């Protein structure tokens, strides 16, 4: 699914796939990538989980330049995974859908120098330097796939969707070099306002917190001397060091504690959770999954879907799957659901394949059906065709179905759809459906299609047959041309010149002249350009470590107040240069 077309069940993910326009990365972008990767290789080797260290070595991700997603896809293909390019922050259900399909979604943007230590916006450093290497570990990637499956099926709330929109806006503003502090502050205010409207935690919220405190910000091993495995920490030059300090509280991992603990994407985390190993994570989320609507079913799960006011799939005990937005639930005096109705486009499926003639066009206004057994505790889905005849359910004949709940269905049987010798859908003409004196369906409304099922066994977000329900076109992104010529501005040209000097095959007097010209231009026009000066120091370290400029540049970088975050990053840059 990297521009070659989607596999079955993945077409709904296709619209979120973009192309990596590799030529658009500037020499500054590559310098940012190189700096972070060199930091990761040097500083993380002793504090990251061995699976990450080994993965960084074996993944084929290069230090000197931003990786191509196609190359990462080939590397992950060796372990049955893949990589796809996406455009920034995407809906959580889509993100988890990629992971459930064994695909790592990669935002192709890269953070600017101002946010080199950390950015809340997804970018190449976070995805490629954070997530990808550790996926080469079998137990870890199976955990990620499981949590992806949970996240893709988790029911969300409509208020949470507004939070997502606000957070997406904040990440765009925070990464935009033209944004003012006032712009960022206003975007943060909108996020805070949206969050105030959220009441309680939906399943999606719970999975999101669990994902954050594990896949993004997890620690593993001994509580007093843990290792890093969370991608958010691994991709942060600053927090990968500070997170292990004593002032960051270390808490033994538990699903319950993770779910109870909110997080802020814009700030360093004051506490982190430490699991014993990846097997503990997998076992814990298996247990948590058993409490979710897609595993439990029943009225409680239908209530969650109703509250979400979003597309969901309801699976009947017959195996029939109804995909739509739940509008109403009728309940008996015990509070159990006896009849449901969706609103808007609805589709019926079986085994994740949409039934012919039962797509959104047929059920464009919604779909209603009873849930339960007939009087005498007869479950229709267990009946053979002959048993249906004994009940008076015969094609072309009038039938009266009296459910124990009190729902009554009376009409002429138009057709009976069977699977493996048992009914899953019965259609009626001239049909009337009633419950406690209320008319739920009238003959004038047309054909009445009744789902067969004594119970709801599963409820989950999304469609049973997403390819048919969403009908997304498959775009051939390979046909897009990536040959546009980028014109470099002066500063970008200076970065390109230093890269050329560093990668040259030999060093001579002409190289010294070129280097002096870059330094002269920097001093005249770019007094705040610290990263390029670090790269220049690196060259001096290799070619002439006693040159007077080493002291001059070092003092400039070390004595100027660049701000706390940049000062820390520069000091790590010094450490790397002096020890390489």
Protein backbone atom coordinates (compact mmCIF):
# COMPACT_ATOMS: atom_id res chain seq x y z
CA UNK A 1 0.00 0.00 0.00
CA UNK A 2 2.81 2.37 -0.89
CA UNK A 3 1.31 3.67 -4.08
CA UNK A 4 0.92 0.20 -5.59
CA UNK A 5 -2.78 0.00 -4.68
CA UNK A 6 -4.52 -1.14 -1.54
CA UNK A 7 -5.17 -4.65 -0.35
CA UNK A 8 -8.71 -5.79 0.39
CA UNK A 9 -10.08 -4.06 3.48
CA UNK A 10 -7.63 -1.16 3.15
CA UNK A 11 -9.21 1.03 0.48
CA UNK A 12 -10.66 3.35 3.12
CA UNK A 13 -7.09 4.13 4.22
CA UNK A 14 -6.00 5.12 0.72
CA UNK A 15 -7.17 8.77 0.82
CA UNK A 16 -4.81 9.44 3.72
CA UNK A 17 -1.75 8.24 1.82
CA UNK A 18 0.40 10.94 0.29
CA UNK A 19 3.65 10.92 -1.64
CA UNK A 20 7.08 11.69 -0.31
CA UNK A 21 8.32 14.55 -2.47
CA UNK A 22 11.92 13.87 -1.69
CA UNK A 23 13.29 16.73 -3.78
CA UNK A 24 11.50 19.23 -1.54
CA UNK A 25 13.74 18.48 1.42
CA UNK A 26 16.26 21.30 1.75
CA UNK A 27 19.90 21.01 2.82
CA UNK A 28 18.73 22.38 6.20
CA UNK A 29 16.16 19.58 6.50
CA UNK A 30 18.86 16.99 5.88
CA UNK A 31 21.12 18.72 8.43
CA UNK A 32 18.36 18.53 11.05
CA UNK A 33 17.87 14.83 10.32
CA UNK A 34 21.61 14.16 10.44
CA UNK A 35 22.05 15.96 13.76
CA UNK A 36 19.24 14.05 15.48
CA UNK A 37 20.34 10.69 14.08
CA UNK A 38 23.95 11.21 15.14
CA UNK A 39 22.65 12.11 18.60
CA UNK A 40 20.49 8.97 18.67
CA UNK A 41 23.31 6.66 17.63
CA UNK A 42 25.64 8.12 20.25
CA UNK A 43 23.41 8.83 23.25
CA UNK A 44 20.76 6.12 22.97
CA UNK A 45 23.06 3.12 22.68
CA UNK A 46 23.17 2.72 26.47
CA UNK A 47 19.72 3.99 27.49
CA UNK A 48 17.40 2.60 24.79
CA UNK A 49 16.04 -0.95 24.71
CA UNK A 50 18.38 -3.28 22.79
CA UNK A 51 15.59 -3.91 20.27
CA UNK A 52 15.78 -0.26 19.25
CA UNK A 53 19.58 -0.14 19.17
CA UNK A 54 19.69 -3.29 17.03
CA UNK A 55 16.87 -2.05 14.84
CA UNK A 56 18.60 1.26 14.25
CA UNK A 57 21.61 -0.68 13.04
CA UNK A 58 19.69 -3.22 10.92
CA UNK A 59 16.91 -1.08 9.48
CA UNK A 60 19.04 0.47 6.77
CA UNK A 61 18.08 3.98 7.89
CA UNK A 62 21.02 6.20 7.04
CA UNK A 63 22.39 8.96 9.24
CA UNK A 64 23.57 11.39 6.59
CA UNK A 65 20.28 12.06 4.82
CA UNK A 66 16.54 11.74 5.28
CA UNK A 67 15.44 8.21 4.36
CA UNK A 68 13.16 7.40 1.47
CA UNK A 69 9.94 5.75 2.59
CA UNK A 70 10.21 3.21 -0.24
CA UNK A 71 13.52 2.06 1.26
CA UNK A 72 11.93 1.80 4.70
CA UNK A 73 9.06 -0.17 3.21
CA UNK A 74 11.50 -2.70 1.75
CA UNK A 75 13.29 -2.98 5.10
CA UNK A 76 10.05 -3.57 7.03
CA UNK A 77 8.85 -6.02 4.38
CA UNK A 78 11.49 -8.44 5.67
CA UNK A 79 9.40 -8.86 8.82
CA UNK A 80 5.99 -8.76 7.14
CA UNK A 81 5.31 -5.07 7.65
CA UNK A 82 5.35 -2.06 5.37
CA UNK A 83 5.49 1.73 5.41
CA UNK A 84 3.16 4.32 3.89
CA UNK A 85 3.48 8.07 3.62
CA UNK A 86 0.78 10.24 5.18
CA UNK A 87 0.12 13.95 5.28
CA UNK A 88 0.53 15.11 8.88
CA UNK A 89 -1.89 14.28 11.69
CA UNK A 90 -4.63 11.85 10.64
CA UNK A 91 -7.74 10.60 12.49
CA UNK A 92 -6.93 8.11 15.22
CA UNK A 93 -9.08 5.36 13.70
CA UNK A 94 -7.14 5.68 10.44
CA UNK A 95 -3.77 5.70 12.19
CA UNK A 96 -4.67 2.56 14.13
CA UNK A 97 -6.10 1.03 10.96
CA UNK A 98 -2.69 1.29 9.32
CA UNK A 99 -1.00 -0.38 12.32
CA UNK A 100 -3.64 -3.13 12.41
CA UNK A 101 -2.80 -3.81 8.76
CA UNK A 102 0.93 -4.03 9.54
CA UNK A 103 1.68 -0.65 8.00
CA UNK A 104 3.69 2.11 9.65
CA UNK A 105 2.22 5.51 8.69
CA UNK A 106 5.00 8.03 8.16
CA UNK A 107 4.52 11.79 8.12
CA UNK A 108 7.03 13.01 5.55
CA UNK A 109 7.42 16.53 6.93
CA UNK A 110 10.46 17.24 9.07
CA UNK A 111 10.70 19.58 12.06
CA UNK A 112 12.44 22.92 11.72
CA UNK A 113 15.58 23.86 13.60
CA UNK A 114 13.62 25.79 16.23
CA UNK A 115 11.82 22.56 17.20
CA UNK A 116 14.77 20.21 16.74
CA UNK A 117 14.59 18.90 20.31
CA UNK A 118 10.88 18.10 20.12
CA UNK A 119 7.78 18.91 18.09
CA UNK A 120 4.17 17.85 18.77
CA UNK A 121 3.65 17.47 15.03
CA UNK A 122 4.28 14.02 13.50
CA UNK A 123 7.38 14.12 11.31
CA UNK A 124 10.03 11.96 9.67
CA UNK A 125 12.25 11.99 12.74
CA UNK A 126 9.46 10.75 14.99
CA UNK A 127 8.26 8.06 12.57
CA UNK A 128 11.50 6.89 10.98
CA UNK A 129 13.96 7.44 13.85
CA UNK A 130 11.43 6.66 16.58
CA UNK A 131 8.94 4.01 15.46
CA UNK A 132 10.55 2.10 12.60
CA UNK A 133 13.75 0.60 14.08
CA UNK A 134 12.11 -1.14 17.05
CA UNK A 135 9.43 -2.71 14.82
CA UNK A 136 12.08 -5.18 13.70
CA UNK A 137 11.59 -6.86 17.11
CA UNK A 138 8.93 -9.57 16.76
CA UNK A 139 7.31 -9.35 20.19
CA UNK A 140 7.13 -5.57 20.01
CA UNK A 141 5.58 -5.33 16.55
CA UNK A 142 2.96 -7.92 17.50
CA UNK A 143 2.06 -5.73 20.47
CA UNK A 144 1.80 -2.70 18.16
CA UNK A 145 -0.41 -4.62 15.73
CA UNK A 146 -2.71 -5.67 18.59
CA UNK A 147 -3.07 -2.16 19.91
CA UNK A 148 -3.67 -1.04 16.33
CA UNK A 149 -6.56 -3.50 16.01
CA UNK A 150 -8.01 -2.23 19.30
CA UNK A 151 -7.67 1.40 18.27
CA UNK A 152 -9.22 0.83 14.86
CA UNK A 153 -12.32 -0.74 16.45
CA UNK A 154 -12.58 1.53 19.50
CA UNK A 155 -15.71 3.67 19.74
CA UNK A 156 -15.11 7.41 20.00
CA UNK A 157 -17.27 10.36 21.03
CA UNK A 158 -18.34 13.22 18.79
CA UNK A 159 -16.78 15.70 21.24
CA UNK A 160 -13.46 13.91 20.84
CA UNK A 161 -13.57 14.55 17.10
CA UNK A 162 -13.60 18.28 17.82
CA UNK A 163 -10.57 17.81 20.07
CA UNK A 164 -8.76 16.05 17.22
CA UNK A 165 -9.45 18.97 14.89
CA UNK A 166 -8.17 21.45 17.46
CA UNK A 167 -5.01 19.43 18.18
CA UNK A 168 -4.31 19.07 14.47
CA UNK A 169 -4.57 22.85 14.12
CA UNK A 170 -2.19 23.32 17.07
CA UNK A 171 0.47 21.01 15.59
CA UNK A 172 0.32 22.89 12.28
CA UNK A 173 0.62 26.27 14.01
CA UNK A 174 3.41 25.09 16.33
CA UNK A 175 5.51 23.85 13.42
CA UNK A 176 4.87 26.85 11.15
CA UNK A 177 7.98 29.08 11.25
CA UNK A 178 5.76 32.11 10.58
CA UNK A 179 3.59 31.51 13.65
CA UNK A 180 3.81 34.06 16.44
CA UNK A 181 3.63 33.18 20.16
CA UNK A 182 0.14 34.68 20.07
CA UNK A 183 -0.86 32.28 17.27
CA UNK A 184 0.36 29.30 19.27
CA UNK A 185 -1.34 30.54 22.43
CA UNK A 186 -4.66 30.92 20.59
CA UNK A 187 -4.35 27.42 19.12
CA UNK A 188 -3.66 26.03 22.61
CA UNK A 189 -6.74 27.85 23.91
CA UNK A 190 -8.91 26.21 21.25
CA UNK A 191 -7.59 22.78 22.29
CA UNK A 192 -8.36 23.52 25.93
CA UNK A 193 -11.89 24.64 25.05
CA UNK A 194 -12.57 21.53 22.99
CA UNK A 195 -11.30 19.29 25.79
CA UNK A 196 -13.61 20.94 28.33
CA UNK A 197 -16.59 19.68 26.33
CA UNK A 198 -15.47 16.06 26.58
CA UNK A 199 -17.29 14.19 29.32
CA UNK A 200 -15.92 10.87 30.48
CA UNK A 201 -13.57 8.59 28.56
CA UNK A 202 -14.63 6.81 25.41
CA UNK A 203 -12.99 3.58 24.31
CA UNK A 204 -10.98 5.60 21.82
CA UNK A 205 -9.71 7.86 24.62
CA UNK A 206 -8.66 4.85 26.66
CA UNK A 207 -6.74 3.27 23.78
CA UNK A 208 -5.18 6.64 22.98
CA UNK A 209 -3.83 6.98 26.52
CA UNK A 210 -2.64 3.40 26.54
CA UNK A 211 -0.87 3.97 23.22
CA UNK A 212 0.71 7.20 24.45
CA UNK A 213 2.13 5.72 27.65
CA UNK A 214 3.48 2.64 25.87
CA UNK A 215 4.25 2.99 22.15
CA UNK A 216 5.03 6.70 22.41
CA UNK A 217 6.39 7.21 25.93
CA UNK A 218 7.07 3.79 27.37
CA UNK A 219 9.99 2.57 29.47
CA UNK A 220 10.88 -1.09 29.92
CA UNK A 221 12.90 -3.22 32.32
CA UNK A 222 13.91 -2.53 35.91
CA UNK A 223 11.92 0.24 37.61
CA UNK A 224 15.09 1.80 39.00
CA UNK A 225 17.09 1.52 35.78
CA UNK A 226 14.68 1.30 32.84
CA UNK A 227 15.39 1.48 29.13
CA UNK A 228 13.54 3.61 26.58
CA UNK A 229 11.30 2.07 23.93
CA UNK A 230 8.68 4.78 23.32
CA UNK A 231 9.05 6.52 19.95
CA UNK A 232 8.20 9.94 21.38
CA UNK A 233 11.19 9.68 23.70
CA UNK A 234 13.50 8.05 21.17
CA UNK A 235 12.89 10.84 18.65
CA UNK A 236 13.33 13.68 21.16
CA UNK A 237 16.91 14.87 21.50
CA UNK A 238 16.02 16.57 24.77
CA UNK A 239 13.51 14.27 26.48
CA UNK A 240 15.39 11.08 25.69
CA UNK A 241 17.97 12.31 28.20
CA UNK A 242 15.80 14.12 30.74
CA UNK A 243 13.15 11.36 31.00
CA UNK A 244 15.49 9.12 32.99
CA UNK A 245 16.22 11.78 35.59
CA UNK A 246 14.88 11.34 39.14
CA UNK A 247 12.43 14.23 38.82
CA UNK A 248 10.42 12.23 36.26
CA UNK A 249 8.33 9.78 38.30
CA UNK A 250 8.62 6.12 37.26
CA UNK A 251 5.43 4.09 37.77
CA UNK A 252 5.00 0.30 37.37
CA UNK A 253 2.98 -0.30 34.20
CA UNK A 254 -0.68 -1.16 34.45
CA UNK A 255 -3.46 -0.59 31.94
CA UNK A 256 -5.64 0.97 34.63
CA UNK A 257 -3.03 3.55 35.65
CA UNK A 258 -2.23 4.44 32.03
CA UNK A 259 -5.91 5.02 31.27
CA UNK A 260 -6.36 7.20 34.36
CA UNK A 261 -3.40 9.42 33.42
CA UNK A 262 -3.97 12.22 30.87
CA UNK A 263 -1.13 13.59 28.75
CA UNK A 264 -0.12 16.85 27.11
CA UNK A 265 1.52 16.56 23.68
CA UNK A 266 3.12 20.00 24.00
CA UNK A 267 5.13 19.42 27.19
CA UNK A 268 7.66 16.95 28.66
CA UNK A 269 5.89 14.22 30.59
CA UNK A 270 6.14 14.42 34.42
CA UNK A 271 5.69 10.66 34.85
CA UNK A 272 6.35 7.56 32.78
CA UNK A 273 5.29 3.92 33.04
CA UNK A 274 7.76 1.03 33.17
CA UNK A 275 6.76 -2.43 31.96
CA UNK A 276 8.77 -5.56 32.67
CA UNK A 277 8.93 -6.64 29.02
CA UNK A 278 6.93 -6.57 25.80
CA UNK A 279 5.18 -9.84 26.67
CA UNK A 280 3.66 -8.11 29.70
CA UNK A 281 2.33 -5.38 27.42
CA UNK A 282 0.74 -7.88 25.04
CA UNK A 283 -0.94 -9.83 27.85
CA UNK A 284 -2.24 -6.64 29.46
CA UNK A 285 -3.85 -5.28 26.32
CA UNK A 286 -5.38 -8.68 25.53
CA UNK A 287 -7.14 -8.47 28.89
CA UNK A 288 -8.19 -4.88 28.25
CA UNK A 289 -9.53 -5.76 24.79
CA UNK A 290 -11.91 -8.25 26.42
CA UNK A 291 -13.69 -5.31 28.08
CA UNK A 292 -14.23 -3.41 24.83
CA UNK A 293 -17.43 -3.33 22.77
CA UNK A 294 -15.94 -5.26 19.85
CA UNK A 295 -15.35 -8.19 22.23
CA UNK A 296 -18.31 -7.87 24.61
CA UNK A 297 -21.27 -6.92 22.42
CA UNK A 298 -24.65 -6.61 24.14
CA UNK A 299 -26.68 -3.59 25.14
CA UNK A 300 -23.79 -1.89 26.91
CA UNK A 301 -21.84 -1.84 23.66
CA UNK A 302 -24.83 -0.53 21.71
CA UNK A 303 -25.12 2.29 24.24
CA UNK A 304 -21.50 3.23 23.55
CA UNK A 305 -22.18 3.32 19.82
CA UNK A 306 -25.26 5.49 20.34
CA UNK A 307 -23.26 7.94 22.42
CA UNK A 308 -20.49 8.08 19.81
CA UNK A 309 -22.90 9.24 17.08
CA UNK A 310 -20.41 7.88 14.57
CA UNK A 311 -20.31 5.06 12.06
CA UNK A 312 -20.15 1.63 13.68
CA UNK A 313 -20.78 -2.02 12.88
CA UNK A 314 -23.16 -4.21 14.91
CA UNK A 315 -22.61 -7.95 14.63
CA UNK A 316 -25.55 -10.29 15.26
CA UNK A 317 -25.19 -13.79 16.66
CA UNK A 318 -26.10 -15.10 13.19
CA UNK A 319 -22.97 -13.42 11.81
CA UNK A 320 -24.88 -10.68 9.99
CA UNK A 321 -23.10 -7.32 10.20
CA UNK A 322 -24.97 -4.01 10.09
CA UNK A 323 -22.86 -0.91 9.37
CA UNK A 324 -24.40 2.49 10.10
CA UNK A 325 -24.80 5.27 12.64
CA UNK A 326 -27.03 4.15 15.50
CA UNK A 327 -29.98 6.51 16.04
CA UNK A 328 -32.33 4.75 18.48
CA UNK A 329 -32.37 1.78 20.84
CA UNK A 330 -35.63 0.33 22.15
CA UNK A 331 -35.20 -1.50 25.46
CA UNK A 332 -37.39 -3.81 27.54
CA UNK A 333 -38.21 -3.31 31.21
CA UNK A 334 -34.91 -4.93 32.15
CA UNK A 335 -32.95 -2.40 30.13
CA UNK A 336 -31.95 -4.86 27.39
CA UNK A 337 -31.97 -3.78 23.76
CA UNK A 338 -34.82 -5.37 21.77
CA UNK A 339 -34.80 -3.21 18.62
CA UNK A 340 -32.31 -0.85 16.99
CA UNK A 341 -32.49 1.67 14.17
CA UNK A 342 -29.71 3.42 12.31
CA UNK A 343 -29.84 6.76 10.54
CA UNK A 344 -28.43 7.62 7.14
CA UNK A 345 -26.52 5.29 4.81
CA UNK A 346 -26.40 1.74 6.15
CA UNK A 347 -25.06 -1.51 4.70
CA UNK A 348 -25.47 -5.20 5.54
CA UNK A 349 -22.57 -7.60 5.34
CA UNK A 350 -21.58 -11.14 6.22
CA UNK A 351 -18.02 -12.22 6.90
CA UNK A 352 -16.92 -8.67 6.01
CA UNK A 353 -18.43 -8.89 2.53
CA UNK A 354 -21.32 -6.58 1.69
CA UNK A 355 -24.46 -8.48 0.74
CA UNK A 356 -25.66 -7.96 -2.83
CA UNK A 357 -28.52 -5.49 -2.89
CA UNK A 358 -27.96 -4.37 0.69
CA UNK A 359 -25.52 -1.51 0.35
CA UNK A 360 -25.88 2.19 1.13
CA UNK A 361 -28.11 2.82 -1.88
CA UNK A 362 -30.71 0.34 -0.68
CA UNK A 363 -30.61 1.41 2.96
CA UNK A 364 -29.79 5.08 2.44
CA UNK A 365 -32.30 6.25 5.05
CA UNK A 366 -31.26 3.78 7.73
CA UNK A 367 -32.15 0.28 8.88
CA UNK A 368 -34.24 -1.10 11.74
CA UNK A 369 -34.42 -4.62 13.14
CA UNK A 370 -35.34 -6.59 16.28
CA UNK A 371 -32.85 -8.34 18.52
CA UNK A 372 -33.78 -11.47 20.44
CA UNK A 373 -35.51 -14.83 20.35
CA UNK A 374 -39.05 -15.77 19.40
CA UNK A 375 -41.57 -16.85 22.01
CA UNK A 376 -40.56 -20.26 23.31
CA UNK A 377 -36.91 -19.10 23.31
CA UNK A 378 -36.48 -20.01 19.64
CA UNK A 379 -33.31 -18.52 18.12
CA UNK A 380 -33.95 -18.14 14.41
CA UNK A 381 -30.26 -18.34 13.50
CA UNK A 382 -30.22 -21.94 14.77
CA UNK A 383 -33.13 -23.04 12.57
CA UNK A 384 -32.80 -25.06 9.39
CA UNK A 385 -35.03 -24.34 6.37
CA UNK A 386 -37.41 -27.11 7.41
CA UNK A 387 -37.61 -25.75 10.94
CA UNK A 388 -38.42 -22.31 9.52
CA UNK A 389 -41.28 -23.89 7.59
CA UNK A 390 -42.57 -25.44 10.80
CA UNK A 391 -42.65 -21.89 12.21
CA UNK A 392 -44.65 -20.72 9.19
CA UNK A 393 -41.71 -18.81 7.68
CA UNK A 394 -42.11 -19.80 4.02
CA UNK A 395 -41.26 -17.70 0.97
CA UNK A 396 -44.45 -16.28 -0.59
CA UNK A 397 -46.54 -16.91 2.53
CA UNK A 398 -47.58 -14.61 5.33
CA UNK A 399 -45.72 -15.10 8.59
CA UNK A 400 -46.19 -13.74 12.08
CA UNK A 401 -43.07 -13.56 14.26
CA UNK A 402 -43.69 -12.89 17.92
CA UNK A 403 -40.54 -12.12 19.86
CA UNK A 404 -40.27 -12.72 23.59
CA UNK A 405 -39.44 -9.03 23.93
CA UNK A 406 -42.87 -8.07 22.63
CA UNK A 407 -41.74 -7.05 19.17
CA UNK A 408 -44.11 -8.41 16.51
CA UNK A 409 -43.32 -8.77 12.82
CA UNK A 410 -46.16 -9.59 10.41
CA UNK A 411 -45.79 -9.75 6.64
CA UNK A 412 -45.34 -11.84 3.50
CA UNK A 413 -41.96 -13.54 3.37
CA UNK A 414 -40.21 -12.25 0.26
CA UNK A 415 -36.88 -14.07 0.65
CA UNK A 416 -34.72 -15.89 3.18
CA UNK A 417 -30.96 -15.45 2.96
CA UNK A 418 -29.13 -18.47 4.34
CA UNK A 419 -25.51 -19.12 5.28
CA UNK A 420 -24.21 -22.61 6.09
CA UNK A 421 -27.82 -23.86 6.28
CA UNK A 422 -29.08 -21.20 8.69
CA UNK A 423 -30.87 -17.89 8.10
CA UNK A 424 -29.11 -14.53 8.47
CA UNK A 425 -31.65 -12.18 6.84
CA UNK A 426 -35.41 -12.46 6.19
CA UNK A 427 -37.11 -9.94 3.89
CA UNK A 428 -40.86 -9.17 4.01
CA UNK A 429 -43.43 -7.41 1.83
CA UNK A 430 -46.58 -5.74 3.20
CA UNK A 431 -44.93 -5.83 6.59
CA UNK A 432 -45.81 -4.20 9.87
CA UNK A 433 -43.55 -4.17 12.91
CA UNK A 434 -44.85 -3.13 16.32
CA UNK A 435 -43.59 -2.91 19.89
CA UNK A 436 -45.79 -2.10 22.88
CA UNK A 437 -48.35 -0.36 20.68
CA UNK A 438 -45.75 1.63 18.75
CA UNK A 439 -45.47 1.12 14.99
CA UNK A 440 -41.82 0.63 14.01
CA UNK A 441 -42.40 -0.21 10.35
CA UNK A 442 -45.41 0.16 8.04
CA UNK A 443 -46.27 -1.71 4.79
CA UNK A 444 -46.16 1.55 2.79
CA UNK A 445 -42.46 1.95 3.58
CA UNK A 446 -41.54 -0.87 1.18
CA UNK A 447 -39.55 -4.03 1.76
CA UNK A 448 -38.68 -4.81 5.37
CA UNK A 449 -35.31 -6.52 5.77
CA UNK A 450 -34.98 -8.16 9.17
CA UNK A 451 -31.62 -9.16 10.59
CA UNK A 452 -31.59 -12.59 12.20
CA UNK A 453 -29.92 -12.74 15.59
CA UNK A 454 -30.78 -13.47 19.19
CA UNK A 455 -27.98 -11.20 20.44
CA UNK A 456 -25.40 -8.58 19.48
CA UNK A 457 -22.01 -10.21 19.82
CA UNK A 458 -19.78 -7.31 18.78
CA UNK A 459 -19.92 -3.55 18.21
CA UNK A 460 -16.99 -1.68 16.70
CA UNK A 461 -16.15 1.57 14.96
CA UNK A 462 -16.00 1.61 11.19
CA UNK A 463 -17.44 -0.57 8.45
CA UNK A 464 -17.61 -4.34 8.09
CA UNK A 465 -16.69 -4.04 4.41
CA UNK A 466 -14.88 -0.70 4.25
CA UNK A 467 -13.90 -1.08 0.59
CA UNK A 468 -17.56 -1.21 -0.46
CA UNK A 469 -18.94 1.18 2.12
CA UNK A 470 -16.51 4.02 1.49
CA UNK A 471 -15.87 3.37 -2.23
CA UNK A 472 -12.61 5.25 -2.19
CA UNK A 473 -10.77 5.53 -5.52
CA UNK A 474 -7.35 3.96 -5.63
CA UNK A 475 -4.95 6.66 -6.70
CA UNK A 476 -1.82 5.70 -8.59
CA UNK A 477 0.61 7.89 -6.70
CA UNK A 478 3.51 6.37 -8.62
CA UNK A 479 2.43 8.41 -11.63
CA UNK A 480 3.19 11.64 -9.78
CA UNK A 481 6.42 13.23 -10.91
CA UNK A 482 9.12 13.99 -8.36
CA UNK A 483 11.52 15.87 -10.57
CA UNK A 484 10.76 19.47 -9.70
CA UNK A 485 13.93 21.50 -9.35
CA UNK A 486 14.30 23.25 -6.00
CA UNK A 487 15.97 26.65 -5.93
CA UNK A 488 18.00 27.16 -2.77
CA UNK A 489 18.07 30.39 -0.84
CA UNK A 490 21.37 31.72 0.47
CA UNK A 491 21.26 29.97 3.84
CA UNK A 492 20.25 26.66 2.27
CA UNK A 493 23.16 27.06 -0.15
CA UNK A 494 25.55 27.50 2.79
CA UNK A 495 24.31 24.22 4.29
CA UNK A 496 24.74 22.54 0.89
CA UNK A 497 28.28 23.88 0.64
CA UNK A 498 29.25 22.48 4.05
CA UNK A 499 27.74 19.12 3.14
CA UNK A 500 29.73 19.11 -0.08
CA UNK A 501 32.94 19.88 1.81
CA UNK A 502 32.26 17.21 4.43
CA UNK A 503 31.53 14.54 1.85
CA UNK A 504 34.38 15.47 -0.50
CA UNK A 505 36.97 12.86 -1.37
CA UNK A 506 39.99 15.02 -0.47
CA UNK A 507 40.75 18.15 1.51
CA UNK A 508 42.91 20.89 -0.02
CA UNK A 509 43.53 24.64 0.05
CA UNK A 510 40.51 25.29 -2.10
CA UNK A 511 38.37 23.58 0.56
CA UNK A 512 39.75 25.91 3.24
CA UNK A 513 38.88 28.91 1.07
CA UNK A 514 35.35 27.67 0.55
CA UNK A 515 34.96 27.04 4.28
CA UNK A 516 36.20 30.55 5.17
CA UNK A 517 33.67 32.09 2.77
CA UNK A 518 30.82 30.21 4.48
CA UNK A 519 32.00 31.39 7.90
CA UNK A 520 32.28 34.98 6.68
CA UNK A 521 28.73 34.94 5.31
CA UNK A 522 27.44 33.36 8.52
CA UNK A 523 29.06 36.01 10.67
CA UNK A 524 27.76 38.84 8.49
CA UNK A 525 24.18 37.68 7.93
CA UNK A 526 23.25 34.73 10.15
CA UNK A 527 24.42 35.27 13.74
CA UNK A 528 21.74 32.92 15.11
CA UNK A 529 22.52 29.92 12.90
CA UNK A 530 23.90 27.48 15.47
CA UNK A 531 23.46 24.13 13.68
CA UNK A 532 25.60 25.05 10.68
CA UNK A 533 28.32 26.29 13.04
CA UNK A 534 28.30 22.93 14.77
CA UNK A 535 28.76 21.23 11.40
CA UNK A 536 31.68 23.57 10.69
CA UNK A 537 33.24 22.66 14.06
CA UNK A 538 32.90 19.02 13.08
CA UNK A 539 34.93 19.67 9.93
CA UNK A 540 37.63 21.49 11.89
CA UNK A 541 37.75 18.55 14.31
CA UNK A 542 38.56 16.27 11.39
CA UNK A 543 40.87 18.56 9.40
CA UNK A 544 42.59 20.84 11.92
CA UNK A 545 41.37 20.72 15.50
CA UNK A 546 43.89 23.39 16.62
CA UNK A 547 42.72 26.02 14.13
CA UNK A 548 41.89 29.38 15.85
CA UNK A 549 38.36 29.29 14.49
CA UNK A 550 37.62 26.28 16.69
CA UNK A 551 37.91 28.41 19.79
CA UNK A 552 36.08 31.36 18.24
CA UNK A 553 33.09 29.30 17.09
CA UNK A 554 33.00 27.22 20.28
CA UNK A 555 32.90 30.34 22.45
CA UNK A 556 30.16 31.87 20.31
CA UNK A 557 28.04 28.73 20.57
CA UNK A 558 28.76 28.16 24.24
CA UNK A 559 28.41 31.68 25.59
CA UNK A 560 25.37 32.98 23.74
CA UNK A 561 21.98 32.51 25.36
CA UNK A 562 20.10 30.55 22.71
CA UNK A 563 17.35 29.51 25.11
CA UNK A 564 17.31 26.54 27.48
CA UNK A 565 16.30 23.91 24.91
CA UNK A 566 18.81 24.97 22.23
CA UNK A 567 21.59 25.41 24.81
CA UNK A 568 21.10 21.79 25.87
CA UNK A 569 21.12 20.59 22.28
CA UNK A 570 24.31 22.55 21.51
CA UNK A 571 26.05 21.05 24.53
CA UNK A 572 25.15 17.58 23.28
CA UNK A 573 26.51 18.60 19.90
CA UNK A 574 29.82 19.56 21.55
CA UNK A 575 29.91 16.21 23.35
CA UNK A 576 29.35 14.32 20.12
CA UNK A 577 32.01 16.28 18.21
CA UNK A 578 34.59 15.87 20.97
CA UNK A 579 34.00 12.13 21.31
CA UNK A 580 33.67 11.13 17.69
